[in-house]
Amino acid sequence: MKFTELNLAGLWLIKPTSINDSRGFFSELFRYDKFEKTTGVQANFVQDNFSYSKQKGTIRGLHYQAPPLAQGKLVRCTRGEIIDIAVDVRPSSKTYGQHVAIKLSANNGLQLWLPQGFLHGFATLTDNCEVAYKVDNYYSSELDGNIRWNDPELAIDWGIRTETAIISNKDKNAPLLADWQNPFLPMDNT
């Protein structure tokens, strides 16, 4: 596995190593010992999630789960291609309000680790996209929240024509960052 720390503290891009032969390939997608040693994160994954998006141009996000059940996520695209978005909303972070956009696809095999305190979303760049992600806390509908995907303050390039984007009503009507009551506590050393 190859680990690359991204420009927002706590985000890691992970490239699993594949063993290829005439039949196809084998790859370790996650190894706790290597993950912890490299990232310093002691993730205890408790739930696997999976989403399917039928059409190119589908946007899901920007989502979060508030404390005390905030979630860290290990995200990968298992079919098609997405642009994955992570926005730092940790109050004391030097990179608060900044984001990264990473293309994840079945072909490139990349995975993105997002710690607690980040908004997460993605846009599908192809039809029939499947996205799988592990989380380190159980889902809670009471603590589920979102920020508007096209908030001008965030200025995210989703990699698609936003005027024809396919978006849920929940995501269309989410609050702007400026109007949001941040549930995340200030963190040290970010």
C-alpha atoms as a PDB file:
ATOM      1  CA  MET A   1       0.000   0.000   0.000  1.00  0.00           C
ATOM      2  CA  LYS A   2       1.173   3.493  -0.786  1.00  0.00           C
ATOM      3  CA  PHE A   3       0.046   6.331   1.520  1.00  0.00           C
ATOM      4  CA  THR A   4       0.159  10.016   0.538  1.00  0.00           C
ATOM      5  CA  GLU A   5      -0.757  12.746   3.031  1.00  0.00           C
ATOM      6  CA  LEU A   6      -2.742  15.498   1.331  1.00  0.00           C
ATOM      7  CA  ASN A   7      -2.508  19.257   1.873  1.00  0.00           C
ATOM      8  CA  LEU A   8      -5.331  19.293   4.455  1.00  0.00           C
ATOM      9  CA  ALA A   9      -4.115  17.812   7.734  1.00  0.00           C
ATOM     10  CA  GLY A  10      -5.557  14.383   8.401  1.00  0.00           C
ATOM     11  CA  LEU A  11      -6.518  13.510   4.804  1.00  0.00           C
ATOM     12  CA  TRP A  12      -4.730  10.536   3.263  1.00  0.00           C
ATOM     13  CA  LEU A  13      -4.809   9.123  -0.271  1.00  0.00           C
ATOM     14  CA  ILE A  14      -4.224   5.373  -0.277  1.00  0.00           C
ATOM     15  CA  LYS A  15      -3.219   3.279  -3.277  1.00  0.00           C
ATOM     16  CA  PRO A  16      -3.530  -0.460  -2.616  1.00  0.00           C
ATOM     17  CA  THR A  17      -0.884  -2.648  -4.225  1.00  0.00           C
ATOM     18  CA  SER A  18      -2.136  -5.230  -6.703  1.00  0.00           C
ATOM     19  CA  ILE A  19      -0.680  -8.616  -7.563  1.00  0.00           C
ATOM     20  CA  ASN A  20      -1.558  -9.237 -11.213  1.00  0.00           C
ATOM     21  CA  ASP A  21      -1.533 -12.393 -13.318  1.00  0.00           C
ATOM     22  CA  SER A  22      -3.423 -13.809 -16.305  1.00  0.00           C
ATOM     23  CA  ARG A  23      -6.564 -14.340 -14.184  1.00  0.00           C
ATOM     24  CA  GLY A  24      -6.785 -10.748 -12.991  1.00  0.00           C
ATOM     25  CA  PHE A  25      -5.470  -9.354  -9.708  1.00  0.00           C
ATOM     26  CA  PHE A  26      -5.529  -9.557  -5.932  1.00  0.00           C
ATOM     27  CA  SER A  27      -5.305  -6.498  -3.698  1.00  0.00           C
ATOM     28  CA  GLU A  28      -5.372  -5.795   0.027  1.00  0.00           C
ATOM     29  CA  LEU A  29      -7.812  -2.892   0.375  1.00  0.00           C
ATOM     30  CA  PHE A  30      -7.225  -2.286   4.071  1.00  0.00           C
ATOM     31  CA  ARG A  31      -4.678  -3.421   6.642  1.00  0.00           C
ATOM     32  CA  TYR A  32      -5.055  -1.985  10.100  1.00  0.00           C
ATOM     33  CA  ASP A  33      -1.376  -2.334  11.016  1.00  0.00           C
ATOM     34  CA  LYS A  34      -0.116  -0.440   7.952  1.00  0.00           C
ATOM     35  CA  PHE A  35      -2.889   2.149   8.185  1.00  0.00           C
ATOM     36  CA  GLU A  36      -2.213   2.921  11.857  1.00  0.00           C
ATOM     37  CA  LYS A  37       1.592   2.925  11.506  1.00  0.00           C
ATOM     38  CA  THR A  38       1.538   5.326   8.535  1.00  0.00           C
ATOM     39  CA  THR A  39      -1.346   7.652   9.417  1.00  0.00           C
ATOM     40  CA  GLY A  40      -1.309   7.466  13.211  1.00  0.00           C
ATOM     41  CA  VAL A  41      -5.081   6.866  13.063  1.00  0.00           C
ATOM     42  CA  GLN A  42      -6.574   4.120  15.210  1.00  0.00           C
ATOM     43  CA  ALA A  43      -9.699   3.557  13.130  1.00  0.00           C
ATOM     44  CA  ASN A  44     -12.203   1.066  14.438  1.00  0.00           C
ATOM     45  CA  PHE A  45     -14.519   0.582  11.473  1.00  0.00           C
ATOM     46  CA  VAL A  46     -18.009  -0.440  12.569  1.00  0.00           C
ATOM     47  CA  GLN A  47     -20.105  -0.040   9.419  1.00  0.00           C
ATOM     48  CA  ASP A  48     -19.684  -0.436   5.656  1.00  0.00           C
ATOM     49  CA  ASN A  49     -21.797   1.768   3.377  1.00  0.00           C
ATOM     50  CA  PHE A  50     -22.475   1.470  -0.329  1.00  0.00           C
ATOM     51  CA  SER A  51     -24.142   3.837  -2.786  1.00  0.00           C
ATOM     52  CA  TYR A  52     -25.195   3.414  -6.397  1.00  0.00           C
ATOM     53  CA  SER A  53     -25.814   6.377  -8.697  1.00  0.00           C
ATOM     54  CA  LYS A  54     -27.464   5.595 -12.004  1.00  0.00           C
ATOM     55  CA  GLN A  55     -26.590   8.777 -13.928  1.00  0.00           C
ATOM     56  CA  LYS A  56     -23.494  10.817 -14.617  1.00  0.00           C
ATOM     57  CA  GLY A  57     -23.817  14.215 -12.949  1.00  0.00           C
ATOM     58  CA  THR A  58     -25.295  12.971  -9.666  1.00  0.00           C
ATOM     59  CA  ILE A  59     -24.097  14.936  -6.634  1.00  0.00           C
ATOM     60  CA  ARG A  60     -24.246  13.535  -3.103  1.00  0.00           C
ATOM     61  CA  GLY A  61     -23.139  15.951  -0.400  1.00  0.00           C
ATOM     62  CA  LEU A  62     -21.840  17.776   1.398  1.00  0.00           C
ATOM     63  CA  HIS A  63     -22.620  15.502   4.352  1.00  0.00           C
ATOM     64  CA  TYR A  64     -21.377  15.017   7.897  1.00  0.00           C
ATOM     65  CA  GLN A  65     -22.404  13.318  11.098  1.00  0.00           C
ATOM     66  CA  ALA A  66     -22.127  15.416  14.260  1.00  0.00           C
ATOM     67  CA  PRO A  67     -20.480  14.423  17.540  1.00  0.00           C
ATOM     68  CA  PRO A  68     -20.695  12.373  19.617  1.00  0.00           C
ATOM     69  CA  LEU A  69     -21.055  10.007  16.647  1.00  0.00           C
ATOM     70  CA  ALA A  70     -18.966  11.939  14.111  1.00  0.00           C
ATOM     71  CA  GLN A  71     -17.582   9.646  11.435  1.00  0.00           C
ATOM     72  CA  GLY A  72     -14.187   9.128   9.862  1.00  0.00           C
ATOM     73  CA  LYS A  73     -14.532   7.558   6.402  1.00  0.00           C
ATOM     74  CA  LEU A  74     -12.406   5.424   4.091  1.00  0.00           C
ATOM     75  CA  VAL A  75     -13.944   5.956   0.632  1.00  0.00           C
ATOM     76  CA  ARG A  76     -13.412   4.172  -2.669  1.00  0.00           C
ATOM     77  CA  CYS A  77     -15.188   3.963  -6.010  1.00  0.00           C
ATOM     78  CA  THR A  78     -15.804   0.359  -7.040  1.00  0.00           C
ATOM     79  CA  ARG A  79     -17.470   1.060 -10.395  1.00  0.00           C
ATOM     80  CA  GLY A  80     -17.210   4.100 -12.663  1.00  0.00           C
ATOM     81  CA  GLU A  81     -15.503   7.359 -11.673  1.00  0.00           C
ATOM     82  CA  ILE A  82     -16.292  10.109  -9.168  1.00  0.00           C
ATOM     83  CA  ILE A  83     -14.780  13.332  -7.976  1.00  0.00           C
ATOM     84  CA  ASP A  84     -14.626  13.004  -4.202  1.00  0.00           C
ATOM     85  CA  ILE A  85     -14.770  16.186  -2.110  1.00  0.00           C
ATOM     86  CA  ALA A  86     -13.519  16.681   1.461  1.00  0.00           C
ATOM     87  CA  VAL A  87     -14.017  20.040   3.245  1.00  0.00           C
ATOM     88  CA  ASP A  88     -12.250  20.779   6.523  1.00  0.00           C
ATOM     89  CA  VAL A  89     -14.732  22.180   9.087  1.00  0.00           C
ATOM     90  CA  ARG A  90     -12.679  21.597  12.242  1.00  0.00           C
ATOM     91  CA  PRO A  91     -12.963  24.966  14.038  1.00  0.00           C
ATOM     92  CA  SER A  92      -9.316  25.324  15.090  1.00  0.00           C
ATOM     93  CA  SER A  93      -7.832  23.897  11.903  1.00  0.00           C
ATOM     94  CA  LYS A  94      -5.423  26.036   9.877  1.00  0.00           C
ATOM     95  CA  THR A  95      -7.204  24.738   6.764  1.00  0.00           C
ATOM     96  CA  TYR A  96     -10.784  25.435   7.948  1.00  0.00           C
ATOM     97  CA  GLY A  97     -13.125  25.890   4.965  1.00  0.00           C
ATOM     98  CA  GLN A  98     -10.596  24.537   2.466  1.00  0.00           C
ATOM     99  CA  HIS A  99     -11.272  21.466   0.381  1.00  0.00           C
ATOM    100  CA  VAL A 100      -9.650  18.843  -1.787  1.00  0.00           C
ATOM    101  CA  ALA A 101     -11.136  17.191  -4.855  1.00  0.00           C
ATOM    102  CA  ILE A 102      -9.762  13.771  -5.823  1.00  0.00           C
ATOM    103  CA  LYS A 103     -10.800  11.518  -8.691  1.00  0.00           C
ATOM    104  CA  LEU A 104     -11.556   8.038  -7.431  1.00  0.00           C
ATOM    105  CA  SER A 105     -12.376   5.278  -9.886  1.00  0.00           C
ATOM    106  CA  ALA A 106     -12.583   1.536 -10.262  1.00  0.00           C
ATOM    107  CA  ASN A 107      -9.589   1.850 -12.609  1.00  0.00           C
ATOM    108  CA  ASN A 108      -7.243   3.867 -10.384  1.00  0.00           C
ATOM    109  CA  GLY A 109      -8.200   1.983  -7.182  1.00  0.00           C
ATOM    110  CA  LEU A 110      -7.465   5.012  -4.994  1.00  0.00           C
ATOM    111  CA  GLN A 111      -9.050   5.392  -1.553  1.00  0.00           C
ATOM    112  CA  LEU A 112      -9.495   8.578   0.470  1.00  0.00           C
ATOM    113  CA  TRP A 113      -9.360   8.693   4.276  1.00  0.00           C
ATOM    114  CA  LEU A 114     -11.368  11.573   5.812  1.00  0.00           C
ATOM    115  CA  PRO A 115     -11.116  12.018   9.581  1.00  0.00           C
ATOM    116  CA  GLN A 116     -13.947  13.251  11.749  1.00  0.00           C
ATOM    117  CA  GLY A 117     -14.575  16.972  11.240  1.00  0.00           C
ATOM    118  CA  PHE A 118     -14.761  16.959   7.444  1.00  0.00           C
ATOM    119  CA  LEU A 119     -17.722  17.447   5.136  1.00  0.00           C
ATOM    120  CA  HIS A 120     -17.896  14.795   2.429  1.00  0.00           C
ATOM    121  CA  GLY A 121     -19.519  14.622  -0.970  1.00  0.00           C
ATOM    122  CA  PHE A 122     -18.984  13.374  -4.492  1.00  0.00           C
ATOM    123  CA  ALA A 123     -20.142  13.857  -8.065  1.00  0.00           C
ATOM    124  CA  THR A 124     -20.424  11.004 -10.536  1.00  0.00           C
ATOM    125  CA  LEU A 125     -18.345  11.469 -13.684  1.00  0.00           C
ATOM    126  CA  THR A 126     -19.766   8.363 -15.391  1.00  0.00           C
ATOM    127  CA  ASP A 127     -23.084   6.507 -15.407  1.00  0.00           C
ATOM    128  CA  ASN A 128     -23.595   3.573 -13.031  1.00  0.00           C
ATOM    129  CA  CYS A 129     -21.224   4.573 -10.231  1.00  0.00           C
ATOM    130  CA  GLU A 130     -20.779   2.512  -7.107  1.00  0.00           C
ATOM    131  CA  VAL A 131     -19.080   3.936  -4.017  1.00  0.00           C
ATOM    132  CA  ALA A 132     -18.151   1.945  -0.912  1.00  0.00           C
ATOM    133  CA  TYR A 133     -16.925   3.393   2.337  1.00  0.00           C
ATOM    134  CA  LYS A 134     -16.070   2.248   5.822  1.00  0.00           C
ATOM    135  CA  VAL A 135     -16.996   4.459   8.792  1.00  0.00           C
ATOM    136  CA  ASP A 136     -15.780   4.475  12.373  1.00  0.00           C
ATOM    137  CA  ASN A 137     -19.143   5.304  13.991  1.00  0.00           C
ATOM    138  CA  TYR A 138     -22.666   4.033  13.428  1.00  0.00           C
ATOM    139  CA  TYR A 139     -25.136   6.087  11.400  1.00  0.00           C
ATOM    140  CA  SER A 140     -27.493   8.298  13.393  1.00  0.00           C
ATOM    141  CA  SER A 141     -30.338  10.112  11.609  1.00  0.00           C
ATOM    142  CA  GLU A 142     -30.539  12.599  14.525  1.00  0.00           C
ATOM    143  CA  LEU A 143     -26.880  13.646  14.023  1.00  0.00           C
ATOM    144  CA  ASP A 144     -26.910  13.595  10.214  1.00  0.00           C
ATOM    145  CA  GLY A 145     -26.377  16.976   8.557  1.00  0.00           C
ATOM    146  CA  ASN A 146     -25.226  18.726   5.425  1.00  0.00           C
ATOM    147  CA  ILE A 147     -23.968  21.985   3.927  1.00  0.00           C
ATOM    148  CA  ARG A 148     -25.039  23.303   0.526  1.00  0.00           C
ATOM    149  CA  TRP A 149     -23.027  21.627  -2.227  1.00  0.00           C
ATOM    150  CA  ASN A 150     -22.699  24.845  -4.277  1.00  0.00           C
ATOM    151  CA  ASP A 151     -21.924  27.258  -1.427  1.00  0.00           C
ATOM    152  CA  PRO A 152     -20.069  30.180  -3.092  1.00  0.00           C
ATOM    153  CA  GLU A 153     -17.817  30.533  -0.032  1.00  0.00           C
ATOM    154  CA  LEU A 154     -16.454  27.018  -0.675  1.00  0.00           C
ATOM    155  CA  ALA A 155     -16.100  27.509  -4.481  1.00  0.00           C
ATOM    156  CA  ILE A 156     -15.938  23.790  -5.244  1.00  0.00           C
ATOM    157  CA  ASP A 157     -15.437  22.658  -8.847  1.00  0.00           C
ATOM    158  CA  TRP A 158     -17.474  19.461  -8.971  1.00  0.00           C
ATOM    159  CA  GLY A 159     -16.139  18.477 -12.400  1.00  0.00           C
ATOM    160  CA  ILE A 160     -19.605  18.410 -13.970  1.00  0.00           C
ATOM    161  CA  ARG A 161     -22.116  20.868 -15.431  1.00  0.00           C
ATOM    162  CA  THR A 162     -23.749  22.063 -12.227  1.00  0.00           C
ATOM    163  CA  GLU A 163     -26.825  23.455 -13.995  1.00  0.00           C
ATOM    164  CA  THR A 164     -27.816  19.902 -14.971  1.00  0.00           C
ATOM    165  CA  ALA A 165     -26.651  18.180 -11.777  1.00  0.00           C
ATOM    166  CA  ILE A 166     -28.931  15.583 -10.214  1.00  0.00           C
ATOM    167  CA  ILE A 167     -29.324  16.496  -6.534  1.00  0.00           C
ATOM    168  CA  SER A 168     -31.658  15.456  -3.726  1.00  0.00           C
ATOM    169  CA  ASN A 169     -34.004  18.044  -2.220  1.00  0.00           C
ATOM    170  CA  LYS A 170     -32.172  17.636   1.104  1.00  0.00           C
ATOM    171  CA  ASP A 171     -28.870  18.658  -0.522  1.00  0.00           C
ATOM    172  CA  LYS A 172     -30.452  21.462  -2.575  1.00  0.00           C
ATOM    173  CA  ASN A 173     -31.925  23.019   0.572  1.00  0.00           C
ATOM    174  CA  ALA A 174     -28.961  22.553   2.916  1.00  0.00           C
ATOM    175  CA  PRO A 175     -27.688  25.615   4.816  1.00  0.00           C
ATOM    176  CA  LEU A 176     -24.731  27.683   3.680  1.00  0.00           C
ATOM    177  CA  LEU A 177     -21.524  27.440   5.690  1.00  0.00           C
ATOM    178  CA  ALA A 178     -21.975  31.018   6.964  1.00  0.00           C
ATOM    179  CA  ASP A 179     -25.424  30.118   8.391  1.00  0.00           C
ATOM    180  CA  TRP A 180     -24.368  26.813   9.931  1.00  0.00           C
ATOM    181  CA  GLN A 181     -23.952  26.043  13.636  1.00  0.00           C
ATOM    182  CA  ASN A 182     -20.712  24.022  13.649  1.00  0.00           C
ATOM    183  CA  PRO A 183     -21.065  20.990  15.978  1.00  0.00           C
ATOM    184  CA  PHE A 184     -17.366  20.089  15.914  1.00  0.00           C
ATOM    185  CA  LEU A 185     -15.235  21.133  18.871  1.00  0.00           C
ATOM    186  CA  PRO A 186     -11.881  22.853  18.383  1.00  0.00           C
ATOM    187  CA  MET A 187      -9.096  20.302  18.020  1.00  0.00           C
ATOM    188  CA  ASP A 188      -5.455  20.607  19.017  1.00  0.00           C
ATOM    189  CA  ASN A 189      -2.541  20.228  16.578  1.00  0.00           C
ATOM    190  CA  THR A 190      -4.490  20.660  13.341  1.00  0.00           C
END
